[in-house]
């Protein structure tokens, strides 16, 4: 399957081990010298509608990508990621 980087943007990334949705693909990082994709980046969630910035981005190495489908990308999830809940004034929601 031949695809453009623009076609990959906004695809949903799903962890294969537990079915958790990691987020939507925001950016692609690639090595200019050999032209290979090195990692996919999921942008961090906005804090307080973006007024307080963003959470940390999730960087997924390309070796962790198992399948790229029409709407989703399956990830093996052997890298470290943590799902963070919304917290306001020290209280988690």
PDB file of N, CA and C in Angstrom:
ATOM      1  N   UNK A   1       0.841  -1.168   0.000  1.00  0.00           N
ATOM      2  CA  UNK A   1       0.000   0.000   0.000  1.00  0.00           C
ATOM      3  C   UNK A   1       0.893   1.240   0.000  1.00  0.00           C
ATOM      4  N   UNK A   2       0.678   2.115  -0.926  1.00  0.00           N
ATOM      5  CA  UNK A   2       1.420   3.363  -1.011  1.00  0.00           C
ATOM      6  C   UNK A   2       0.563   4.452  -0.383  1.00  0.00           C
ATOM      7  N   UNK A   3       1.186   5.248   0.481  1.00  0.00           N
ATOM      8  CA  UNK A   3       0.451   6.283   1.196  1.00  0.00           C
ATOM      9  C   UNK A   3       1.323   7.512   1.362  1.00  0.00           C
ATOM     10  N   UNK A   4       0.692   8.656   1.454  1.00  0.00           N
ATOM     11  CA  UNK A   4       1.393   9.906   1.723  1.00  0.00           C
ATOM     12  C   UNK A   4       1.377  10.179   3.218  1.00  0.00           C
ATOM     13  N   UNK A   5       2.291  11.027   3.659  1.00  0.00           N
ATOM     14  CA  UNK A   5       2.305  11.394   5.069  1.00  0.00           C
ATOM     15  C   UNK A   5       1.024  12.130   5.426  1.00  0.00           C
ATOM     16  N   UNK A   6       0.504  12.925   4.520  1.00  0.00           N
ATOM     17  CA  UNK A   6      -0.753  13.640   4.769  1.00  0.00           C
ATOM     18  C   UNK A   6      -1.908  12.663   4.973  1.00  0.00           C
ATOM     19  N   UNK A   7      -1.862  11.493   4.329  1.00  0.00           N
ATOM     20  CA  UNK A   7      -2.907  10.484   4.508  1.00  0.00           C
ATOM     21  C   UNK A   7      -2.821   9.822   5.882  1.00  0.00           C
ATOM     22  N   UNK A   8      -1.624   9.785   6.464  1.00  0.00           N
ATOM     23  CA  UNK A   8      -1.454   9.174   7.780  1.00  0.00           C
ATOM     24  C   UNK A   8      -1.962  10.071   8.902  1.00  0.00           C
ATOM     25  N   UNK A   9      -1.951  11.363   8.672  1.00  0.00           N
ATOM     26  CA  UNK A   9      -2.329  12.307   9.718  1.00  0.00           C
ATOM     27  C   UNK A   9      -3.770  12.085  10.146  1.00  0.00           C
ATOM     28  N   UNK A  10      -4.004  12.198  11.425  1.00  0.00           N
ATOM     29  CA  UNK A  10      -5.318  12.042  12.062  1.00  0.00           C
ATOM     30  C   UNK A  10      -5.861  10.619  12.036  1.00  0.00           C
ATOM     31  N   UNK A  11      -4.996   9.630  11.831  1.00  0.00           N
ATOM     32  CA  UNK A  11      -5.440   8.247  12.004  1.00  0.00           C
ATOM     33  C   UNK A  11      -5.353   7.906  13.484  1.00  0.00           C
ATOM     34  N   UNK A  12      -6.238   7.039  13.928  1.00  0.00           N
ATOM     35  CA  UNK A  12      -6.304   6.657  15.328  1.00  0.00           C
ATOM     36  C   UNK A  12      -5.272   5.569  15.617  1.00  0.00           C
ATOM     37  N   UNK A  13      -4.482   5.723  16.694  1.00  0.00           N
ATOM     38  CA  UNK A  13      -3.500   4.727  17.094  1.00  0.00           C
ATOM     39  C   UNK A  13      -4.070   3.907  18.240  1.00  0.00           C
ATOM     40  N   UNK A  14      -4.071   2.576  18.078  1.00  0.00           N
ATOM     41  CA  UNK A  14      -4.682   1.670  19.035  1.00  0.00           C
ATOM     42  C   UNK A  14      -3.637   0.670  19.513  1.00  0.00           C
ATOM     43  N   UNK A  15      -3.586   0.448  20.839  1.00  0.00           N
ATOM     44  CA  UNK A  15      -2.677  -0.526  21.432  1.00  0.00           C
ATOM     45  C   UNK A  15      -3.250  -1.920  21.217  1.00  0.00           C
ATOM     46  N   UNK A  16      -2.432  -2.838  20.686  1.00  0.00           N
ATOM     47  CA  UNK A  16      -2.924  -4.182  20.382  1.00  0.00           C
ATOM     48  C   UNK A  16      -3.116  -5.031  21.634  1.00  0.00           C
ATOM     49  N   UNK A  17      -2.360  -4.778  22.700  1.00  0.00           N
ATOM     50  CA  UNK A  17      -2.437  -5.643  23.874  1.00  0.00           C
ATOM     51  C   UNK A  17      -3.735  -5.478  24.650  1.00  0.00           C
ATOM     52  N   UNK A  18      -4.228  -4.244  24.801  1.00  0.00           N
ATOM     53  CA  UNK A  18      -5.441  -4.045  25.584  1.00  0.00           C
ATOM     54  C   UNK A  18      -6.546  -3.282  24.850  1.00  0.00           C
ATOM     55  N   UNK A  19      -6.297  -2.871  23.617  1.00  0.00           N
ATOM     56  CA  UNK A  19      -7.311  -2.177  22.825  1.00  0.00           C
ATOM     57  C   UNK A  19      -7.501  -0.716  23.184  1.00  0.00           C
ATOM     58  N   UNK A  20      -6.592  -0.159  23.980  1.00  0.00           N
ATOM     59  CA  UNK A  20      -6.708   1.245  24.388  1.00  0.00           C
ATOM     60  C   UNK A  20      -6.376   2.162  23.220  1.00  0.00           C
ATOM     61  N   UNK A  21      -7.143   3.214  23.104  1.00  0.00           N
ATOM     62  CA  UNK A  21      -6.883   4.216  22.069  1.00  0.00           C
ATOM     63  C   UNK A  21      -5.835   5.174  22.612  1.00  0.00           C
ATOM     64  N   UNK A  22      -4.683   5.257  21.943  1.00  0.00           N
ATOM     65  CA  UNK A  22      -3.605   6.126  22.390  1.00  0.00           C
ATOM     66  C   UNK A  22      -3.848   7.571  21.990  1.00  0.00           C
ATOM     67  N   UNK A  23      -4.515   7.778  20.885  1.00  0.00           N
ATOM     68  CA  UNK A  23      -4.787   9.120  20.387  1.00  0.00           C
ATOM     69  C   UNK A  23      -4.745   9.134  18.875  1.00  0.00           C
ATOM     70  N   UNK A  24      -4.661  10.320  18.335  1.00  0.00           N
ATOM     71  CA  UNK A  24      -4.614  10.489  16.889  1.00  0.00           C
ATOM     72  C   UNK A  24      -3.220  10.939  16.466  1.00  0.00           C
ATOM     73  N   UNK A  25      -2.771  10.440  15.335  1.00  0.00           N
ATOM     74  CA  UNK A  25      -1.447  10.770  14.836  1.00  0.00           C
ATOM     75  C   UNK A  25      -1.373  12.255  14.516  1.00  0.00           C
ATOM     76  N   UNK A  26      -0.415  12.921  15.119  1.00  0.00           N
ATOM     77  CA  UNK A  26      -0.267  14.348  14.907  1.00  0.00           C
ATOM     78  C   UNK A  26       0.875  14.692  13.976  1.00  0.00           C
ATOM     79  N   UNK A  27       1.970  13.934  14.072  1.00  0.00           N
ATOM     80  CA  UNK A  27       3.150  14.267  13.286  1.00  0.00           C
ATOM     81  C   UNK A  27       3.959  13.004  13.029  1.00  0.00           C
ATOM     82  N   UNK A  28       4.815  13.066  12.028  1.00  0.00           N
ATOM     83  CA  UNK A  28       5.698  11.961  11.669  1.00  0.00           C
ATOM     84  C   UNK A  28       7.128  12.486  11.695  1.00  0.00           C
ATOM     85  N   UNK A  29       8.015  11.713  12.320  1.00  0.00           N
ATOM     86  CA  UNK A  29       9.423  12.081  12.378  1.00  0.00           C
ATOM     87  C   UNK A  29      10.195  11.124  11.476  1.00  0.00           C
ATOM     88  N   UNK A  30      11.053  11.666  10.609  1.00  0.00           N
ATOM     89  CA  UNK A  30      11.807  10.787   9.724  1.00  0.00           C
ATOM     90  C   UNK A  30      13.248  11.256   9.602  1.00  0.00           C
ATOM     91  N   UNK A  31      14.108  10.300   9.214  1.00  0.00           N
ATOM     92  CA  UNK A  31      15.530  10.558   9.041  1.00  0.00           C
ATOM     93  C   UNK A  31      15.754  11.051   7.617  1.00  0.00           C
ATOM     94  N   UNK A  32      16.332  12.231   7.495  1.00  0.00           N
ATOM     95  CA  UNK A  32      16.510  12.848   6.184  1.00  0.00           C
ATOM     96  C   UNK A  32      17.587  12.133   5.376  1.00  0.00           C
ATOM     97  N   UNK A  33      18.583  11.568   6.045  1.00  0.00           N
ATOM     98  CA  UNK A  33      19.697  10.952   5.312  1.00  0.00           C
ATOM     99  C   UNK A  33      19.286   9.710   4.540  1.00  0.00           C
ATOM    100  N   UNK A  34      18.426   8.867   5.143  1.00  0.00           N
ATOM    101  CA  UNK A  34      18.021   7.659   4.425  1.00  0.00           C
ATOM    102  C   UNK A  34      16.539   7.638   4.046  1.00  0.00           C
ATOM    103  N   UNK A  35      15.775   8.661   4.454  1.00  0.00           N
ATOM    104  CA  UNK A  35      14.377   8.772   4.051  1.00  0.00           C
ATOM    105  C   UNK A  35      13.429   7.815   4.733  1.00  0.00           C
ATOM    106  N   UNK A  36      13.804   7.266   5.902  1.00  0.00           N
ATOM    107  CA  UNK A  36      12.941   6.322   6.607  1.00  0.00           C
ATOM    108  C   UNK A  36      12.250   6.998   7.783  1.00  0.00           C
ATOM    109  N   UNK A  37      11.023   6.556   8.046  1.00  0.00           N
ATOM    110  CA  UNK A  37      10.265   7.066   9.188  1.00  0.00           C
ATOM    111  C   UNK A  37      10.885   6.497  10.455  1.00  0.00           C
ATOM    112  N   UNK A  38      11.148   7.368  11.444  1.00  0.00           N
ATOM    113  CA  UNK A  38      11.727   6.906  12.710  1.00  0.00           C
ATOM    114  C   UNK A  38      10.681   6.798  13.810  1.00  0.00           C
ATOM    115  N   UNK A  39       9.706   7.703  13.840  1.00  0.00           N
ATOM    116  CA  UNK A  39       8.686   7.619  14.888  1.00  0.00           C
ATOM    117  C   UNK A  39       7.421   8.378  14.493  1.00  0.00           C
ATOM    118  N   UNK A  40       6.324   7.988  15.156  1.00  0.00           N
ATOM    119  CA  UNK A  40       5.058   8.690  15.055  1.00  0.00           C
ATOM    120  C   UNK A  40       4.873   9.480  16.340  1.00  0.00           C
ATOM    121  N   UNK A  41       4.274  10.653  16.243  1.00  0.00           N
ATOM    122  CA  UNK A  41       4.090  11.505  17.405  1.00  0.00           C
ATOM    123  C   UNK A  41       2.606  11.804  17.594  1.00  0.00           C
ATOM    124  N   UNK A  42       2.135  11.577  18.825  1.00  0.00           N
ATOM    125  CA  UNK A  42       0.774  11.935  19.206  1.00  0.00           C
ATOM    126  C   UNK A  42       0.896  13.163  20.087  1.00  0.00           C
ATOM    127  N   UNK A  43       0.252  14.243  19.713  1.00  0.00           N
ATOM    128  CA  UNK A  43       0.318  15.468  20.498  1.00  0.00           C
ATOM    129  C   UNK A  43      -0.364  15.276  21.848  1.00  0.00           C
ATOM    130  N   UNK A  44       0.190  15.911  22.874  1.00  0.00           N
ATOM    131  CA  UNK A  44      -0.401  15.855  24.206  1.00  0.00           C
ATOM    132  C   UNK A  44      -1.718  16.600  24.256  1.00  0.00           C
ATOM    133  N   UNK A  45      -2.540  16.219  25.204  1.00  0.00           N
ATOM    134  CA  UNK A  45      -3.844  16.870  25.349  1.00  0.00           C
ATOM    135  C   UNK A  45      -3.681  18.295  25.855  1.00  0.00           C
ATOM    136  N   UNK A  46      -4.623  19.133  25.476  1.00  0.00           N
ATOM    137  CA  UNK A  46      -4.622  20.513  25.938  1.00  0.00           C
ATOM    138  C   UNK A  46      -5.022  20.568  27.408  1.00  0.00           C
ATOM    139  N   UNK A  47      -4.384  21.455  28.150  1.00  0.00           N
ATOM    140  CA  UNK A  47      -4.743  21.662  29.547  1.00  0.00           C
ATOM    141  C   UNK A  47      -5.516  22.973  29.655  1.00  0.00           C
ATOM    142  N   UNK A  48      -6.721  22.892  30.161  1.00  0.00           N
ATOM    143  CA  UNK A  48      -7.610  24.032  30.327  1.00  0.00           C
ATOM    144  C   UNK A  48      -7.761  24.800  29.013  1.00  0.00           C
ATOM    145  N   UNK A  49      -8.231  24.091  27.994  1.00  0.00           N
ATOM    146  CA  UNK A  49      -8.500  24.643  26.665  1.00  0.00           C
ATOM    147  C   UNK A  49      -7.267  25.268  26.025  1.00  0.00           C
ATOM    148  N   UNK A  50      -6.082  24.806  26.402  1.00  0.00           N
ATOM    149  CA  UNK A  50      -4.846  25.317  25.823  1.00  0.00           C
ATOM    150  C   UNK A  50      -4.262  26.514  26.530  1.00  0.00           C
ATOM    151  N   UNK A  51      -4.964  27.038  27.514  1.00  0.00           N
ATOM    152  CA  UNK A  51      -4.455  28.200  28.238  1.00  0.00           C
ATOM    153  C   UNK A  51      -3.242  27.840  29.093  1.00  0.00           C
ATOM    154  N   UNK A  52      -3.194  26.602  29.575  1.00  0.00           N
ATOM    155  CA  UNK A  52      -2.077  26.149  30.407  1.00  0.00           C
ATOM    156  C   UNK A  52      -1.110  25.267  29.630  1.00  0.00           C
ATOM    157  N   UNK A  53      -1.168  25.330  28.313  1.00  0.00           N
ATOM    158  CA  UNK A  53      -0.254  24.545  27.486  1.00  0.00           C
ATOM    159  C   UNK A  53      -0.787  23.149  27.199  1.00  0.00           C
ATOM    160  N   UNK A  54       0.142  22.246  26.935  1.00  0.00           N
ATOM    161  CA  UNK A  54      -0.192  20.863  26.597  1.00  0.00           C
ATOM    162  C   UNK A  54       0.510  19.909  27.546  1.00  0.00           C
ATOM    163  N   UNK A  55      -0.019  18.672  27.580  1.00  0.00           N
ATOM    164  CA  UNK A  55       0.707  17.594  28.245  1.00  0.00           C
ATOM    165  C   UNK A  55       1.830  17.145  27.311  1.00  0.00           C
ATOM    166  N   UNK A  56       2.675  16.254  27.789  1.00  0.00           N
ATOM    167  CA  UNK A  56       3.794  15.787  26.974  1.00  0.00           C
ATOM    168  C   UNK A  56       3.295  14.981  25.771  1.00  0.00           C
ATOM    169  N   UNK A  57       4.025  15.114  24.664  1.00  0.00           N
ATOM    170  CA  UNK A  57       3.704  14.336  23.469  1.00  0.00           C
ATOM    171  C   UNK A  57       4.115  12.885  23.679  1.00  0.00           C
ATOM    172  N   UNK A  58       3.426  11.982  23.004  1.00  0.00           N
ATOM    173  CA  UNK A  58       3.786  10.563  23.029  1.00  0.00           C
ATOM    174  C   UNK A  58       4.531  10.258  21.746  1.00  0.00           C
ATOM    175  N   UNK A  59       5.763   9.775  21.868  1.00  0.00           N
ATOM    176  CA  UNK A  59       6.578   9.431  20.705  1.00  0.00           C
ATOM    177  C   UNK A  59       6.618   7.902  20.600  1.00  0.00           C
ATOM    178  N   UNK A  60       6.148   7.384  19.473  1.00  0.00           N
ATOM    179  CA  UNK A  60       6.090   5.939  19.250  1.00  0.00           C
ATOM    180  C   UNK A  60       7.122   5.570  18.195  1.00  0.00           C
ATOM    181  N   UNK A  61       8.113   4.755  18.554  1.00  0.00           N
ATOM    182  CA  UNK A  61       9.110   4.330  17.555  1.00  0.00           C
ATOM    183  C   UNK A  61       8.441   3.536  16.431  1.00  0.00           C
ATOM    184  N   UNK A  62       8.953   3.688  15.227  1.00  0.00           N
ATOM    185  CA  UNK A  62       8.333   3.024  14.075  1.00  0.00           C
ATOM    186  C   UNK A  62       8.399   1.502  14.195  1.00  0.00           C
ATOM    187  N   UNK A  63       9.360   0.990  14.947  1.00  0.00           N
ATOM    188  CA  UNK A  63       9.471  -0.460  15.127  1.00  0.00           C
ATOM    189  C   UNK A  63       8.284  -1.038  15.897  1.00  0.00           C
ATOM    190  N   UNK A  64       7.576  -0.195  16.641  1.00  0.00           N
ATOM    191  CA  UNK A  64       6.426  -0.638  17.427  1.00  0.00           C
ATOM    192  C   UNK A  64       5.139  -0.703  16.607  1.00  0.00           C
ATOM    193  N   UNK A  65       5.155  -0.156  15.404  1.00  0.00           N
ATOM    194  CA  UNK A  65       3.967  -0.151  14.542  1.00  0.00           C
ATOM    195  C   UNK A  65       3.802  -1.527  13.912  1.00  0.00           C
ATOM    196  N   UNK A  66       2.624  -2.125  14.102  1.00  0.00           N
ATOM    197  CA  UNK A  66       2.365  -3.456  13.560  1.00  0.00           C
ATOM    198  C   UNK A  66       1.635  -3.403  12.228  1.00  0.00           C
ATOM    199  N   UNK A  67       0.522  -2.668  12.188  1.00  0.00           N
ATOM    200  CA  UNK A  67      -0.313  -2.611  10.993  1.00  0.00           C
ATOM    201  C   UNK A  67      -0.792  -1.178  10.792  1.00  0.00           C
ATOM    202  N   UNK A  68      -0.741  -0.728   9.545  1.00  0.00           N
ATOM    203  CA  UNK A  68      -1.324   0.566   9.188  1.00  0.00           C
ATOM    204  C   UNK A  68      -2.536   0.287   8.313  1.00  0.00           C
ATOM    205  N   UNK A  69      -3.717   0.587   8.857  1.00  0.00           N
ATOM    206  CA  UNK A  69      -4.952   0.328   8.130  1.00  0.00           C
ATOM    207  C   UNK A  69      -5.524   1.597   7.527  1.00  0.00           C
ATOM    208  N   UNK A  70      -6.770   1.498   7.044  1.00  0.00           N
ATOM    209  CA  UNK A  70      -7.427   2.648   6.422  1.00  0.00           C
ATOM    210  C   UNK A  70      -7.767   3.733   7.433  1.00  0.00           C
ATOM    211  N   UNK A  71      -8.189   3.345   8.639  1.00  0.00           N
ATOM    212  CA  UNK A  71      -8.600   4.318   9.645  1.00  0.00           C
ATOM    213  C   UNK A  71      -7.777   4.268  10.921  1.00  0.00           C
ATOM    214  N   UNK A  72      -7.123   3.135  11.190  1.00  0.00           N
ATOM    215  CA  UNK A  72      -6.371   2.989  12.433  1.00  0.00           C
ATOM    216  C   UNK A  72      -4.965   2.466  12.170  1.00  0.00           C
ATOM    217  N   UNK A  73      -4.113   2.688  13.163  1.00  0.00           N
ATOM    218  CA  UNK A  73      -2.749   2.158  13.159  1.00  0.00           C
ATOM    219  C   UNK A  73      -2.617   1.334  14.430  1.00  0.00           C
ATOM    220  N   UNK A  74      -2.247   0.047  14.298  1.00  0.00           N
ATOM    221  CA  UNK A  74      -2.102  -0.827  15.452  1.00  0.00           C
ATOM    222  C   UNK A  74      -0.661  -0.776  15.945  1.00  0.00           C
ATOM    223  N   UNK A  75      -0.510  -0.604  17.275  1.00  0.00           N
ATOM    224  CA  UNK A  75       0.789  -0.442  17.905  1.00  0.00           C
ATOM    225  C   UNK A  75       0.980  -1.581  18.901  1.00  0.00           C
ATOM    226  N   UNK A  76       2.198  -2.127  19.001  1.00  0.00           N
ATOM    227  CA  UNK A  76       2.439  -3.250  19.904  1.00  0.00           C
ATOM    228  C   UNK A  76       2.532  -2.834  21.365  1.00  0.00           C
ATOM    229  N   UNK A  77       2.773  -1.566  21.667  1.00  0.00           N
ATOM    230  CA  UNK A  77       2.759  -0.989  23.028  1.00  0.00           C
ATOM    231  C   UNK A  77       3.791  -1.591  23.969  1.00  0.00           C
ATOM    232  N   UNK A  78       4.976  -1.934  23.492  1.00  0.00           N
ATOM    233  CA  UNK A  78       6.025  -2.355  24.407  1.00  0.00           C
ATOM    234  C   UNK A  78       6.813  -1.158  24.919  1.00  0.00           C
ATOM    235  N   UNK A  79       6.556   0.030  24.374  1.00  0.00           N
ATOM    236  CA  UNK A  79       7.174   1.252  24.886  1.00  0.00           C
ATOM    237  C   UNK A  79       6.389   1.715  26.104  1.00  0.00           C
ATOM    238  N   UNK A  80       6.946   2.667  26.847  1.00  0.00           N
ATOM    239  CA  UNK A  80       6.290   3.125  28.062  1.00  0.00           C
ATOM    240  C   UNK A  80       5.382   4.310  27.751  1.00  0.00           C
ATOM    241  N   UNK A  81       4.115   4.161  28.058  1.00  0.00           N
ATOM    242  CA  UNK A  81       3.166   5.254  27.950  1.00  0.00           C
ATOM    243  C   UNK A  81       2.211   5.131  29.114  1.00  0.00           C
ATOM    244  N   UNK A  82       1.616   6.220  29.488  1.00  0.00           N
ATOM    245  CA  UNK A  82       0.718   6.240  30.630  1.00  0.00           C
ATOM    246  C   UNK A  82      -0.482   7.098  30.282  1.00  0.00           C
ATOM    247  N   UNK A  83      -1.655   6.539  30.459  1.00  0.00           N
ATOM    248  CA  UNK A  83      -2.875   7.302  30.202  1.00  0.00           C
ATOM    249  C   UNK A  83      -3.139   8.191  31.402  1.00  0.00           C
ATOM    250  N   UNK A  84      -3.233   9.472  31.150  1.00  0.00           N
ATOM    251  CA  UNK A  84      -3.426  10.427  32.236  1.00  0.00           C
ATOM    252  C   UNK A  84      -4.854  10.938  32.205  1.00  0.00           C
ATOM    253  N   UNK A  85      -5.454  10.985  33.366  1.00  0.00           N
ATOM    254  CA  UNK A  85      -6.801  11.516  33.465  1.00  0.00           C
ATOM    255  C   UNK A  85      -6.773  13.022  33.666  1.00  0.00           C
ATOM    256  N   UNK A  86      -7.901  13.628  33.536  1.00  0.00           N
ATOM    257  CA  UNK A  86      -8.031  15.061  33.734  1.00  0.00           C
ATOM    258  C   UNK A  86      -7.949  15.367  35.222  1.00  0.00           C
ATOM    259  N   UNK A  87      -7.115  16.318  35.591  1.00  0.00           N
ATOM    260  CA  UNK A  87      -7.043  16.706  36.990  1.00  0.00           C
ATOM    261  C   UNK A  87      -7.158  18.222  37.107  1.00  0.00           C
ATOM    262  N   UNK A  88      -8.034  18.624  37.997  1.00  0.00           N
ATOM    263  CA  UNK A  88      -8.226  20.055  38.262  1.00  0.00           C
ATOM    264  C   UNK A  88      -8.112  20.233  39.773  1.00  0.00           C
ATOM    265  N   UNK A  89      -7.237  21.116  40.195  1.00  0.00           N
ATOM    266  CA  UNK A  89      -6.989  21.396  41.603  1.00  0.00           C
ATOM    267  C   UNK A  89      -6.620  20.144  42.386  1.00  0.00           C
ATOM    268  N   UNK A  90      -5.832  19.274  41.761  1.00  0.00           N
ATOM    269  CA  UNK A  90      -5.360  18.077  42.443  1.00  0.00           C
ATOM    270  C   UNK A  90      -6.352  16.936  42.494  1.00  0.00           C
ATOM    271  N   UNK A  91      -7.527  17.109  41.919  1.00  0.00           N
ATOM    272  CA  UNK A  91      -8.541  16.063  41.917  1.00  0.00           C
ATOM    273  C   UNK A  91      -8.651  15.453  40.537  1.00  0.00           C
ATOM    274  N   UNK A  92      -8.538  14.120  40.442  1.00  0.00           N
ATOM    275  CA  UNK A  92      -8.593  13.448  39.155  1.00  0.00           C
ATOM    276  C   UNK A  92     -10.011  13.133  38.755  1.00  0.00           C
ATOM    277  N   UNK A  93     -10.301  13.302  37.481  1.00  0.00           N
ATOM    278  CA  UNK A  93     -11.635  13.008  36.938  1.00  0.00           C
ATOM    279  C   UNK A  93     -11.515  11.928  35.898  1.00  0.00           C
TER     280      UNK A  93
END
